[in-house]
Amino acid sequence: MKFRRQNKEELSVNLTPLIDVVFLLLIFFMVSTTFTKEAHLQVELPKASGTPSEAEVEMIEVVINKDGQYTVNDRVLINSQVSTLKRAVEKLSKGNNELPFIVTADAKTPHEFVVRAMDIAGQLGYKKLSITTERSEEGSN
């Protein structure tokens, strides 16, 4: 009995799909990477003689201490009621709700007093509302 020898096929790995995937990854990373352009221009600024003018910017600044006492533009209010704060803001702004409205509160101020000041700003139609913070000196880890 004669057994026929089977032809052994050569096993090979097709690298075409692997190359396609690597090429697609390369294109993805090239497209998603942001490039920064740095332009180094030498500009010599003109010199001017004169004193800079200090333009006084009008704003409404509400300062709240840790006990909830309001101060509006360096004027201490007699109490911490919403109506008192609202009247003081209306009086100082003279109806101009385009002025910046700045809320500065102590770190230990109860949240309620800050929300009251922000609510007054919203009721009077102020759009430029900001809350001041202090930048921490510690490095972030």
N, C-alpha and C. Protein backbone atom coordinates (compact mmCIF):
# COMPACT_ATOMS: atom_id res chain seq x y z
N MET A 1 0.81 -1.15 0.00
CA MET A 1 0.00 0.00 0.00
C MET A 1 0.88 1.25 0.00
N LYS A 2 0.57 2.00 -0.93
CA LYS A 2 1.35 3.22 -1.10
C LYS A 2 0.54 4.41 -0.63
N PHE A 3 1.10 5.13 0.29
CA PHE A 3 0.42 6.36 0.76
C PHE A 3 0.97 7.53 0.00
N ARG A 4 0.03 8.31 -0.42
CA ARG A 4 0.49 9.50 -1.14
C ARG A 4 0.94 10.53 -0.14
N ARG A 5 1.98 11.12 -0.47
CA ARG A 5 2.46 12.20 0.38
C ARG A 5 1.64 13.43 0.17
N GLN A 6 1.23 13.99 1.29
CA GLN A 6 0.43 15.22 1.17
C GLN A 6 1.36 16.40 0.98
N ASN A 7 0.92 17.28 0.10
CA ASN A 7 1.70 18.50 -0.11
C ASN A 7 1.48 19.46 1.06
N LYS A 8 2.54 19.81 1.68
CA LYS A 8 2.43 20.76 2.79
C LYS A 8 2.43 22.17 2.23
N GLU A 9 1.41 22.89 2.64
CA GLU A 9 1.34 24.28 2.21
C GLU A 9 2.17 25.12 3.16
N GLU A 10 2.77 26.11 2.58
CA GLU A 10 3.54 27.00 3.43
C GLU A 10 2.60 27.92 4.18
N LEU A 11 2.82 27.98 5.48
CA LEU A 11 2.01 28.88 6.30
C LEU A 11 2.67 30.25 6.31
N SER A 12 1.87 31.26 6.05
CA SER A 12 2.41 32.61 6.08
C SER A 12 1.36 33.54 6.70
N VAL A 13 1.85 34.57 7.30
CA VAL A 13 0.97 35.55 7.92
C VAL A 13 0.81 36.72 6.96
N ASN A 14 -0.44 37.06 6.72
CA ASN A 14 -0.72 38.17 5.82
C ASN A 14 -0.58 39.47 6.61
N LEU A 15 0.36 40.29 6.25
CA LEU A 15 0.63 41.54 6.97
C LEU A 15 -0.16 42.73 6.45
N THR A 16 -0.90 42.57 5.40
CA THR A 16 -1.63 43.69 4.82
C THR A 16 -2.64 44.32 5.79
N PRO A 17 -3.48 43.56 6.51
CA PRO A 17 -4.40 44.21 7.46
C PRO A 17 -3.67 44.94 8.59
N LEU A 18 -2.54 44.37 9.04
CA LEU A 18 -1.76 45.02 10.08
C LEU A 18 -1.21 46.36 9.60
N ILE A 19 -0.70 46.40 8.41
CA ILE A 19 -0.18 47.64 7.84
C ILE A 19 -1.30 48.66 7.67
N ASP A 20 -2.48 48.20 7.25
CA ASP A 20 -3.62 49.10 7.11
C ASP A 20 -4.01 49.73 8.45
N VAL A 21 -4.04 48.94 9.50
CA VAL A 21 -4.41 49.45 10.82
C VAL A 21 -3.38 50.46 11.31
N VAL A 22 -2.11 50.16 11.15
CA VAL A 22 -1.06 51.09 11.57
C VAL A 22 -1.15 52.38 10.78
N PHE A 23 -1.41 52.28 9.50
CA PHE A 23 -1.54 53.47 8.67
C PHE A 23 -2.74 54.33 9.11
N LEU A 24 -3.87 53.68 9.44
CA LEU A 24 -5.04 54.42 9.92
C LEU A 24 -4.76 55.09 11.26
N LEU A 25 -4.06 54.41 12.16
CA LEU A 25 -3.68 55.02 13.44
C LEU A 25 -2.77 56.23 13.22
N LEU A 26 -1.85 56.11 12.31
CA LEU A 26 -0.96 57.23 12.01
C LEU A 26 -1.75 58.43 11.49
N ILE A 27 -2.68 58.20 10.60
CA ILE A 27 -3.52 59.28 10.09
C ILE A 27 -4.36 59.89 11.21
N PHE A 28 -4.94 59.06 12.08
CA PHE A 28 -5.75 59.56 13.20
C PHE A 28 -4.93 60.47 14.10
N PHE A 29 -3.75 60.04 14.49
CA PHE A 29 -2.93 60.86 15.38
C PHE A 29 -2.43 62.13 14.69
N MET A 30 -2.17 62.07 13.41
CA MET A 30 -1.74 63.28 12.70
C MET A 30 -2.87 64.30 12.63
N VAL A 31 -4.09 63.85 12.44
CA VAL A 31 -5.23 64.76 12.34
C VAL A 31 -5.63 65.31 13.70
N SER A 32 -5.56 64.49 14.73
CA SER A 32 -6.03 64.93 16.05
C SER A 32 -4.99 65.72 16.83
N THR A 33 -3.78 65.77 16.39
CA THR A 33 -2.74 66.53 17.09
C THR A 33 -2.85 68.00 16.73
N THR A 34 -2.70 68.83 17.75
CA THR A 34 -2.70 70.28 17.49
C THR A 34 -1.26 70.74 17.37
N PHE A 35 -1.05 71.57 16.43
CA PHE A 35 0.27 72.10 16.19
C PHE A 35 0.28 73.56 16.62
N THR A 36 1.32 73.95 17.28
CA THR A 36 1.44 75.35 17.68
C THR A 36 2.43 76.04 16.75
N LYS A 37 2.04 77.19 16.33
CA LYS A 37 2.93 77.98 15.50
C LYS A 37 3.50 79.09 16.36
N GLU A 38 4.76 79.12 16.45
CA GLU A 38 5.41 80.17 17.22
C GLU A 38 6.07 81.13 16.24
N ALA A 39 5.65 82.35 16.36
CA ALA A 39 6.25 83.37 15.50
C ALA A 39 7.10 84.27 16.39
N HIS A 40 8.33 84.41 16.03
CA HIS A 40 9.23 85.25 16.79
C HIS A 40 9.52 86.49 15.95
N LEU A 41 8.76 87.52 16.25
CA LEU A 41 8.96 88.77 15.54
C LEU A 41 9.63 89.77 16.47
N GLN A 42 10.56 90.49 15.95
CA GLN A 42 11.18 91.57 16.71
C GLN A 42 10.38 92.83 16.46
N VAL A 43 9.72 93.31 17.49
CA VAL A 43 8.91 94.52 17.37
C VAL A 43 9.45 95.54 18.35
N GLU A 44 9.76 96.69 17.84
CA GLU A 44 10.21 97.77 18.72
C GLU A 44 9.03 98.72 18.89
N LEU A 45 8.54 98.81 20.11
CA LEU A 45 7.37 99.63 20.39
C LEU A 45 7.75 101.09 20.48
N PRO A 46 6.85 101.97 20.05
CA PRO A 46 7.14 103.39 20.14
C PRO A 46 7.11 103.85 21.60
N LYS A 47 7.84 104.89 21.86
CA LYS A 47 7.91 105.45 23.20
C LYS A 47 7.00 106.67 23.27
N ALA A 48 6.39 106.85 24.44
CA ALA A 48 5.49 107.99 24.64
C ALA A 48 5.84 108.65 25.96
N SER A 49 5.74 109.95 25.95
CA SER A 49 5.97 110.66 27.20
C SER A 49 4.62 111.17 27.70
N GLY A 50 4.38 110.93 28.92
CA GLY A 50 3.11 111.33 29.50
C GLY A 50 2.75 110.37 30.62
N THR A 51 1.79 110.75 31.36
CA THR A 51 1.38 109.89 32.47
C THR A 51 0.16 109.09 32.04
N PRO A 52 0.11 107.85 32.43
CA PRO A 52 -1.06 107.05 32.07
C PRO A 52 -2.28 107.54 32.85
N SER A 53 -3.39 107.57 32.17
CA SER A 53 -4.61 108.02 32.81
C SER A 53 -5.23 106.86 33.56
N GLU A 54 -5.77 107.16 34.71
CA GLU A 54 -6.43 106.13 35.49
C GLU A 54 -7.93 106.32 35.33
N ALA A 55 -8.49 105.58 34.39
CA ALA A 55 -9.91 105.66 34.14
C ALA A 55 -10.64 104.88 35.23
N GLU A 56 -11.53 105.52 35.89
CA GLU A 56 -12.28 104.86 36.95
C GLU A 56 -13.42 104.07 36.32
N VAL A 57 -13.40 102.79 36.58
CA VAL A 57 -14.41 101.90 36.03
C VAL A 57 -15.54 101.80 37.04
N GLU A 58 -16.74 102.08 36.56
CA GLU A 58 -17.89 101.95 37.44
C GLU A 58 -18.28 100.49 37.53
N MET A 59 -18.61 100.07 38.74
CA MET A 59 -19.06 98.70 38.96
C MET A 59 -19.82 98.65 40.27
N ILE A 60 -20.54 97.57 40.43
CA ILE A 60 -21.22 97.30 41.68
C ILE A 60 -20.47 96.15 42.34
N GLU A 61 -19.86 96.42 43.49
CA GLU A 61 -19.11 95.39 44.19
C GLU A 61 -19.78 95.12 45.53
N VAL A 62 -20.22 93.89 45.69
CA VAL A 62 -20.86 93.46 46.93
C VAL A 62 -19.87 92.59 47.69
N VAL A 63 -19.47 93.04 48.88
CA VAL A 63 -18.55 92.30 49.72
C VAL A 63 -19.34 91.73 50.89
N ILE A 64 -19.13 90.44 51.16
CA ILE A 64 -19.85 89.76 52.23
C ILE A 64 -18.83 89.20 53.21
N ASN A 65 -18.95 89.59 54.50
CA ASN A 65 -18.01 89.05 55.48
C ASN A 65 -18.50 87.71 56.00
N LYS A 66 -17.74 87.10 56.90
CA LYS A 66 -18.08 85.75 57.37
C LYS A 66 -19.36 85.70 58.18
N ASP A 67 -19.81 86.85 58.69
CA ASP A 67 -21.06 86.90 59.45
C ASP A 67 -22.27 87.18 58.57
N GLY A 68 -22.07 87.41 57.28
CA GLY A 68 -23.17 87.68 56.37
C GLY A 68 -23.50 89.16 56.25
N GLN A 69 -22.63 90.03 56.71
CA GLN A 69 -22.85 91.48 56.61
C GLN A 69 -22.44 91.94 55.21
N TYR A 70 -23.34 92.68 54.54
CA TYR A 70 -23.09 93.16 53.18
C TYR A 70 -22.45 94.54 53.19
N THR A 71 -21.56 94.76 52.23
CA THR A 71 -20.99 96.07 51.95
C THR A 71 -21.10 96.27 50.45
N VAL A 72 -21.74 97.35 50.02
CA VAL A 72 -21.91 97.63 48.60
C VAL A 72 -21.10 98.87 48.27
N ASN A 73 -20.10 98.69 47.41
CA ASN A 73 -19.18 99.78 47.03
C ASN A 73 -18.67 100.53 48.25
N ASP A 74 -18.12 99.79 49.20
CA ASP A 74 -17.51 100.32 50.43
C ASP A 74 -18.51 101.00 51.37
N ARG A 75 -19.79 100.74 51.23
CA ARG A 75 -20.80 101.27 52.13
C ARG A 75 -21.46 100.09 52.86
N VAL A 76 -21.30 100.07 54.18
CA VAL A 76 -21.85 98.98 54.98
C VAL A 76 -23.36 99.15 55.08
N LEU A 77 -24.10 98.07 54.84
CA LEU A 77 -25.56 98.11 54.95
C LEU A 77 -25.97 97.89 56.40
N ILE A 78 -27.14 98.42 56.75
CA ILE A 78 -27.59 98.36 58.14
C ILE A 78 -28.02 96.96 58.55
N ASN A 79 -28.45 96.12 57.60
CA ASN A 79 -28.82 94.74 57.92
C ASN A 79 -28.56 93.85 56.70
N SER A 80 -28.81 92.57 56.87
CA SER A 80 -28.53 91.59 55.80
C SER A 80 -29.78 91.14 55.08
N GLN A 81 -30.82 91.96 55.08
CA GLN A 81 -32.06 91.58 54.41
C GLN A 81 -31.95 91.81 52.91
N VAL A 82 -32.70 91.02 52.17
CA VAL A 82 -32.69 91.08 50.70
C VAL A 82 -33.15 92.45 50.22
N SER A 83 -34.20 92.98 50.84
CA SER A 83 -34.75 94.28 50.40
C SER A 83 -33.73 95.40 50.58
N THR A 84 -32.97 95.37 51.67
CA THR A 84 -31.95 96.40 51.91
C THR A 84 -30.86 96.33 50.86
N LEU A 85 -30.40 95.12 50.56
CA LEU A 85 -29.36 94.93 49.54
C LEU A 85 -29.86 95.37 48.17
N LYS A 86 -31.10 95.03 47.85
CA LYS A 86 -31.66 95.38 46.54
C LYS A 86 -31.76 96.89 46.39
N ARG A 87 -32.24 97.58 47.44
CA ARG A 87 -32.35 99.05 47.37
C ARG A 87 -30.98 99.70 47.22
N ALA A 88 -29.99 99.18 47.93
CA ALA A 88 -28.64 99.76 47.85
C ALA A 88 -28.06 99.60 46.45
N VAL A 89 -28.26 98.44 45.85
CA VAL A 89 -27.74 98.20 44.50
C VAL A 89 -28.46 99.08 43.49
N GLU A 90 -29.78 99.18 43.60
CA GLU A 90 -30.54 100.05 42.68
C GLU A 90 -30.12 101.50 42.81
N LYS A 91 -29.88 101.95 44.03
CA LYS A 91 -29.50 103.35 44.26
C LYS A 91 -28.13 103.65 43.65
N LEU A 92 -27.17 102.73 43.84
CA LEU A 92 -25.83 102.98 43.32
C LEU A 92 -25.74 102.82 41.81
N SER A 93 -26.51 101.92 41.25
CA SER A 93 -26.42 101.69 39.80
C SER A 93 -27.26 102.67 39.00
N LYS A 94 -28.22 103.30 39.63
CA LYS A 94 -29.12 104.26 38.97
C LYS A 94 -29.81 103.61 37.76
N GLY A 95 -30.15 102.32 37.90
CA GLY A 95 -30.87 101.63 36.84
C GLY A 95 -30.00 101.09 35.72
N ASN A 96 -28.69 101.29 35.79
CA ASN A 96 -27.79 100.81 34.74
C ASN A 96 -27.36 99.38 35.07
N ASN A 97 -28.01 98.40 34.44
CA ASN A 97 -27.66 97.01 34.73
C ASN A 97 -26.58 96.47 33.78
N GLU A 98 -25.92 97.34 33.04
CA GLU A 98 -24.81 96.94 32.19
C GLU A 98 -23.49 97.01 32.94
N LEU A 99 -23.50 97.55 34.17
CA LEU A 99 -22.29 97.62 34.97
C LEU A 99 -21.87 96.22 35.41
N PRO A 100 -20.57 96.01 35.59
CA PRO A 100 -20.14 94.72 36.13
C PRO A 100 -20.61 94.56 37.58
N PHE A 101 -21.11 93.39 37.92
CA PHE A 101 -21.59 93.08 39.27
C PHE A 101 -20.63 92.06 39.86
N ILE A 102 -19.88 92.46 40.88
CA ILE A 102 -18.84 91.61 41.45
C ILE A 102 -19.23 91.22 42.86
N VAL A 103 -19.19 89.94 43.14
CA VAL A 103 -19.49 89.42 44.48
C VAL A 103 -18.19 88.90 45.09
N THR A 104 -17.82 89.47 46.23
CA THR A 104 -16.64 89.05 46.96
C THR A 104 -17.08 88.57 48.33
N ALA A 105 -16.80 87.33 48.66
CA ALA A 105 -17.24 86.78 49.93
C ALA A 105 -16.07 86.13 50.66
N ASP A 106 -16.13 86.20 51.98
CA ASP A 106 -15.16 85.53 52.83
C ASP A 106 -15.29 84.02 52.62
N ALA A 107 -14.20 83.30 52.81
CA ALA A 107 -14.23 81.85 52.61
C ALA A 107 -15.18 81.16 53.58
N LYS A 108 -15.43 81.77 54.73
CA LYS A 108 -16.31 81.17 55.74
C LYS A 108 -17.73 81.72 55.69
N THR A 109 -18.05 82.51 54.66
CA THR A 109 -19.40 83.04 54.52
C THR A 109 -20.37 81.92 54.20
N PRO A 110 -21.52 81.87 54.89
CA PRO A 110 -22.52 80.86 54.52
C PRO A 110 -22.98 81.05 53.07
N HIS A 111 -23.22 79.95 52.43
CA HIS A 111 -23.61 79.93 51.01
C HIS A 111 -24.87 80.77 50.76
N GLU A 112 -25.74 80.82 51.72
CA GLU A 112 -27.02 81.54 51.58
C GLU A 112 -26.81 83.01 51.22
N PHE A 113 -25.84 83.67 51.83
CA PHE A 113 -25.63 85.09 51.59
C PHE A 113 -25.08 85.37 50.19
N VAL A 114 -24.24 84.47 49.70
CA VAL A 114 -23.71 84.62 48.34
C VAL A 114 -24.83 84.42 47.32
N VAL A 115 -25.68 83.43 47.57
CA VAL A 115 -26.80 83.16 46.66
C VAL A 115 -27.77 84.35 46.66
N ARG A 116 -27.99 84.96 47.80
CA ARG A 116 -28.85 86.14 47.85
C ARG A 116 -28.32 87.25 46.96
N ALA A 117 -27.02 87.52 47.06
CA ALA A 117 -26.42 88.58 46.24
C ALA A 117 -26.53 88.24 44.75
N MET A 118 -26.31 86.99 44.39
CA MET A 118 -26.42 86.59 43.00
C MET A 118 -27.87 86.66 42.52
N ASP A 119 -28.80 86.34 43.40
CA ASP A 119 -30.22 86.41 43.06
C ASP A 119 -30.65 87.86 42.81
N ILE A 120 -30.16 88.78 43.64
CA ILE A 120 -30.45 90.21 43.44
C ILE A 120 -29.94 90.66 42.07
N ALA A 121 -28.71 90.23 41.73
CA ALA A 121 -28.14 90.59 40.42
C ALA A 121 -29.02 90.07 39.29
N GLY A 122 -29.51 88.85 39.44
CA GLY A 122 -30.38 88.28 38.41
C GLY A 122 -31.71 89.00 38.32
N GLN A 123 -32.30 89.35 39.45
CA GLN A 123 -33.58 90.05 39.46
C GLN A 123 -33.47 91.43 38.82
N LEU A 124 -32.32 92.09 39.02
CA LEU A 124 -32.14 93.44 38.47
C LEU A 124 -31.62 93.41 37.03
N GLY A 125 -31.35 92.23 36.48
CA GLY A 125 -30.98 92.11 35.07
C GLY A 125 -29.51 92.27 34.76
N TYR A 126 -28.64 92.08 35.74
CA TYR A 126 -27.20 92.17 35.48
C TYR A 126 -26.74 90.95 34.71
N LYS A 127 -25.94 91.20 33.67
CA LYS A 127 -25.43 90.11 32.84
C LYS A 127 -23.95 89.86 33.09
N LYS A 128 -23.26 90.85 33.62
CA LYS A 128 -21.82 90.73 33.86
C LYS A 128 -21.59 90.44 35.34
N LEU A 129 -21.88 89.22 35.75
CA LEU A 129 -21.73 88.80 37.14
C LEU A 129 -20.44 88.03 37.29
N SER A 130 -19.64 88.39 38.29
CA SER A 130 -18.42 87.63 38.55
C SER A 130 -18.23 87.47 40.04
N ILE A 131 -17.58 86.39 40.41
CA ILE A 131 -17.28 86.09 41.80
C ILE A 131 -15.77 86.08 41.93
N THR A 132 -15.26 86.87 42.88
CA THR A 132 -13.82 86.95 43.04
C THR A 132 -13.32 85.78 43.86
N THR A 133 -12.13 85.34 43.52
CA THR A 133 -11.46 84.27 44.25
C THR A 133 -10.01 84.68 44.46
N GLU A 134 -9.34 83.92 45.28
CA GLU A 134 -7.92 84.17 45.50
C GLU A 134 -7.16 82.99 44.95
N ARG A 135 -6.12 83.27 44.20
CA ARG A 135 -5.33 82.21 43.60
C ARG A 135 -4.51 81.55 44.69
N SER A 136 -4.51 80.22 44.71
CA SER A 136 -3.77 79.51 45.74
C SER A 136 -2.27 79.53 45.39
N GLU A 137 -1.46 79.59 46.42
CA GLU A 137 0.00 79.64 46.23
C GLU A 137 0.58 78.24 46.13
N GLU A 138 -0.19 77.22 46.50
CA GLU A 138 0.31 75.86 46.49
C GLU A 138 0.37 75.32 45.07
N GLY A 139 1.32 74.46 44.81
CA GLY A 139 1.40 73.80 43.51
C GLY A 139 0.40 72.66 43.46
N SER A 140 -0.14 72.39 42.32
CA SER A 140 -1.11 71.31 42.19
C SER A 140 -0.37 70.00 41.98
N ASN A 141 -0.82 68.97 42.66
CA ASN A 141 -0.20 67.64 42.54
C ASN A 141 -1.14 66.71 41.84
